[in-house]
């Protein structure tokens, strides 16, 4: 989120287990999707997502704080 509280970037972990697939991690910024990787397990996908959060200069909104 920026200083005004507007969302600048969004982070997604998407499961494709329902169709026998894996997990994908995406970042959305400026209406563009960046695919950050495909992972075999949810643990691997969330680990990558956490790495992206830690490396980000953006603040992170927690559920209920927006």
N, C-alpha and C. Protein backbone atom coordinates (compact mmCIF):
# COMPACT_ATOMS: atom_id res chain seq x y z
N UNK A 1 0.84 -1.17 0.00
CA UNK A 1 0.00 0.00 0.00
C UNK A 1 0.89 1.24 0.00
N UNK A 2 0.41 2.29 -0.64
CA UNK A 2 1.17 3.54 -0.63
C UNK A 2 0.82 4.35 0.61
N UNK A 3 1.40 5.53 0.73
CA UNK A 3 1.17 6.37 1.91
C UNK A 3 -0.28 6.80 2.08
N UNK A 4 -1.04 6.81 0.97
CA UNK A 4 -2.45 7.19 1.03
C UNK A 4 -3.38 6.02 1.31
N UNK A 5 -2.80 4.83 1.43
CA UNK A 5 -3.61 3.64 1.69
C UNK A 5 -4.12 2.94 0.45
N UNK A 6 -3.67 3.38 -0.72
CA UNK A 6 -4.07 2.72 -1.96
C UNK A 6 -3.17 1.51 -2.23
N UNK A 7 -3.76 0.46 -2.75
CA UNK A 7 -2.99 -0.74 -3.07
C UNK A 7 -2.17 -0.48 -4.32
N UNK A 8 -0.87 -0.71 -4.22
CA UNK A 8 0.03 -0.54 -5.37
C UNK A 8 0.41 -1.87 -5.98
N UNK A 9 0.55 -2.90 -5.14
CA UNK A 9 0.93 -4.22 -5.62
C UNK A 9 0.13 -5.25 -4.85
N UNK A 10 -0.21 -6.35 -5.54
CA UNK A 10 -0.92 -7.45 -4.90
C UNK A 10 -0.13 -8.73 -5.12
N UNK A 11 -0.17 -9.59 -4.14
CA UNK A 11 0.55 -10.86 -4.18
C UNK A 11 -0.47 -11.99 -4.10
N UNK A 12 -0.36 -12.95 -5.00
CA UNK A 12 -1.29 -14.08 -5.04
C UNK A 12 -0.54 -15.39 -5.00
N UNK A 13 -1.05 -16.33 -4.20
CA UNK A 13 -0.63 -17.72 -4.27
C UNK A 13 -1.86 -18.47 -4.73
N UNK A 14 -1.75 -19.13 -5.87
CA UNK A 14 -2.91 -19.78 -6.48
C UNK A 14 -2.69 -21.29 -6.52
N UNK A 15 -3.69 -22.03 -6.06
CA UNK A 15 -3.64 -23.49 -6.07
C UNK A 15 -4.33 -24.04 -7.32
N UNK A 16 -3.69 -25.02 -7.93
CA UNK A 16 -4.29 -25.74 -9.05
C UNK A 16 -4.49 -27.22 -8.69
N UNK A 17 -4.52 -27.49 -7.38
CA UNK A 17 -4.68 -28.86 -6.90
C UNK A 17 -5.99 -29.49 -7.39
N UNK A 18 -7.03 -28.70 -7.50
CA UNK A 18 -8.34 -29.21 -7.90
C UNK A 18 -8.31 -29.86 -9.27
N UNK A 19 -7.30 -29.53 -10.08
CA UNK A 19 -7.18 -30.14 -11.41
C UNK A 19 -5.87 -30.92 -11.56
N UNK A 20 -5.30 -31.30 -10.41
CA UNK A 20 -4.09 -32.11 -10.43
C UNK A 20 -2.81 -31.32 -10.65
N UNK A 21 -2.88 -30.01 -10.50
CA UNK A 21 -1.73 -29.16 -10.75
C UNK A 21 -0.99 -28.77 -9.50
N UNK A 22 -0.17 -27.77 -9.64
CA UNK A 22 0.69 -27.30 -8.57
C UNK A 22 0.20 -25.95 -8.04
N UNK A 23 1.13 -25.13 -7.56
CA UNK A 23 0.83 -23.82 -7.00
C UNK A 23 1.62 -22.77 -7.78
N UNK A 24 1.01 -21.63 -8.04
CA UNK A 24 1.67 -20.52 -8.71
C UNK A 24 1.68 -19.31 -7.80
N UNK A 25 2.72 -18.49 -7.96
CA UNK A 25 2.83 -17.22 -7.23
C UNK A 25 2.88 -16.11 -8.27
N UNK A 26 2.03 -15.10 -8.08
CA UNK A 26 1.94 -13.96 -8.98
C UNK A 26 2.02 -12.65 -8.20
N UNK A 27 2.55 -11.63 -8.84
CA UNK A 27 2.50 -10.27 -8.32
C UNK A 27 1.78 -9.43 -9.36
N UNK A 28 0.82 -8.62 -8.92
CA UNK A 28 0.08 -7.73 -9.80
C UNK A 28 0.45 -6.30 -9.46
N UNK A 29 0.93 -5.55 -10.45
CA UNK A 29 1.27 -4.14 -10.27
C UNK A 29 1.01 -3.42 -11.58
N UNK A 30 0.40 -2.26 -11.50
CA UNK A 30 0.11 -1.46 -12.69
C UNK A 30 -0.63 -2.27 -13.75
N UNK A 31 -1.60 -3.07 -13.29
CA UNK A 31 -2.43 -3.90 -14.17
C UNK A 31 -1.62 -4.92 -14.97
N UNK A 32 -0.45 -5.27 -14.49
CA UNK A 32 0.39 -6.28 -15.13
C UNK A 32 0.61 -7.43 -14.16
N UNK A 33 0.53 -8.66 -14.67
CA UNK A 33 0.80 -9.84 -13.86
C UNK A 33 2.22 -10.32 -14.10
N UNK A 34 2.95 -10.56 -13.02
CA UNK A 34 4.28 -11.16 -13.10
C UNK A 34 4.20 -12.52 -12.44
N UNK A 35 4.53 -13.56 -13.22
CA UNK A 35 4.53 -14.91 -12.68
C UNK A 35 5.86 -15.14 -11.98
N UNK A 36 5.81 -15.40 -10.69
CA UNK A 36 7.01 -15.54 -9.87
C UNK A 36 7.44 -16.99 -9.70
N UNK A 37 6.67 -17.91 -10.22
CA UNK A 37 7.09 -19.30 -10.17
C UNK A 37 5.95 -20.28 -9.97
N UNK A 38 6.25 -21.54 -10.32
CA UNK A 38 5.34 -22.66 -10.11
C UNK A 38 6.01 -23.59 -9.12
N UNK A 39 5.23 -24.07 -8.14
CA UNK A 39 5.79 -24.85 -7.05
C UNK A 39 4.98 -26.12 -6.82
N UNK A 40 5.65 -27.16 -6.41
CA UNK A 40 5.00 -28.46 -6.19
C UNK A 40 4.15 -28.48 -4.94
N UNK A 41 4.56 -27.72 -3.91
CA UNK A 41 3.83 -27.75 -2.63
C UNK A 41 3.41 -26.34 -2.22
N UNK A 42 2.41 -26.29 -1.36
CA UNK A 42 1.98 -24.99 -0.85
C UNK A 42 3.08 -24.37 0.01
N UNK A 43 3.83 -25.19 0.73
CA UNK A 43 4.92 -24.66 1.55
C UNK A 43 5.96 -23.94 0.70
N UNK A 44 6.31 -24.51 -0.45
CA UNK A 44 7.27 -23.87 -1.35
C UNK A 44 6.71 -22.56 -1.90
N UNK A 45 5.43 -22.57 -2.27
CA UNK A 45 4.80 -21.37 -2.84
C UNK A 45 4.73 -20.26 -1.81
N UNK A 46 4.32 -20.59 -0.59
CA UNK A 46 4.23 -19.56 0.45
C UNK A 46 5.60 -19.09 0.90
N UNK A 47 6.58 -19.94 0.84
CA UNK A 47 7.95 -19.52 1.15
C UNK A 47 8.41 -18.48 0.15
N UNK A 48 8.12 -18.70 -1.14
CA UNK A 48 8.47 -17.72 -2.17
C UNK A 48 7.69 -16.42 -1.96
N UNK A 49 6.42 -16.52 -1.62
CA UNK A 49 5.60 -15.34 -1.37
C UNK A 49 6.16 -14.53 -0.19
N UNK A 50 6.57 -15.22 0.86
CA UNK A 50 7.15 -14.53 2.02
C UNK A 50 8.47 -13.86 1.66
N UNK A 51 9.29 -14.51 0.81
CA UNK A 51 10.53 -13.89 0.34
C UNK A 51 10.23 -12.59 -0.40
N UNK A 52 9.19 -12.61 -1.23
CA UNK A 52 8.80 -11.41 -1.98
C UNK A 52 8.33 -10.31 -1.03
N UNK A 53 7.58 -10.67 -0.01
CA UNK A 53 7.12 -9.68 0.97
C UNK A 53 8.29 -9.06 1.72
N UNK A 54 9.23 -9.89 2.13
CA UNK A 54 10.38 -9.39 2.89
C UNK A 54 11.26 -8.49 2.04
N UNK A 55 11.34 -8.76 0.73
CA UNK A 55 12.18 -7.96 -0.16
C UNK A 55 11.49 -6.68 -0.64
N UNK A 56 10.19 -6.58 -0.40
CA UNK A 56 9.40 -5.46 -0.89
C UNK A 56 9.62 -4.21 -0.03
N UNK A 57 9.63 -3.08 -0.70
CA UNK A 57 9.69 -1.80 0.02
C UNK A 57 8.29 -1.30 0.35
N UNK A 58 7.27 -2.03 -0.06
CA UNK A 58 5.88 -1.65 0.20
C UNK A 58 5.43 -2.18 1.56
N UNK A 59 4.59 -1.42 2.21
CA UNK A 59 4.02 -1.92 3.46
C UNK A 59 3.02 -3.02 3.13
N UNK A 60 2.75 -3.84 4.11
CA UNK A 60 1.85 -4.98 3.91
C UNK A 60 0.60 -4.76 4.73
N UNK A 61 -0.56 -4.83 4.08
CA UNK A 61 -1.84 -4.70 4.77
C UNK A 61 -2.23 -6.05 5.35
N UNK A 62 -2.57 -6.08 6.59
CA UNK A 62 -3.02 -7.31 7.25
C UNK A 62 -4.54 -7.32 7.21
N UNK A 63 -5.11 -8.51 7.24
CA UNK A 63 -6.57 -8.65 7.22
C UNK A 63 -7.17 -7.82 8.33
N UNK A 64 -8.18 -7.05 7.98
CA UNK A 64 -8.86 -6.21 8.96
C UNK A 64 -8.23 -4.86 9.17
N UNK A 65 -7.08 -4.58 8.53
CA UNK A 65 -6.42 -3.30 8.75
C UNK A 65 -6.70 -2.29 7.67
N UNK A 66 -7.41 -2.69 6.64
CA UNK A 66 -7.69 -1.77 5.53
C UNK A 66 -9.09 -1.26 5.64
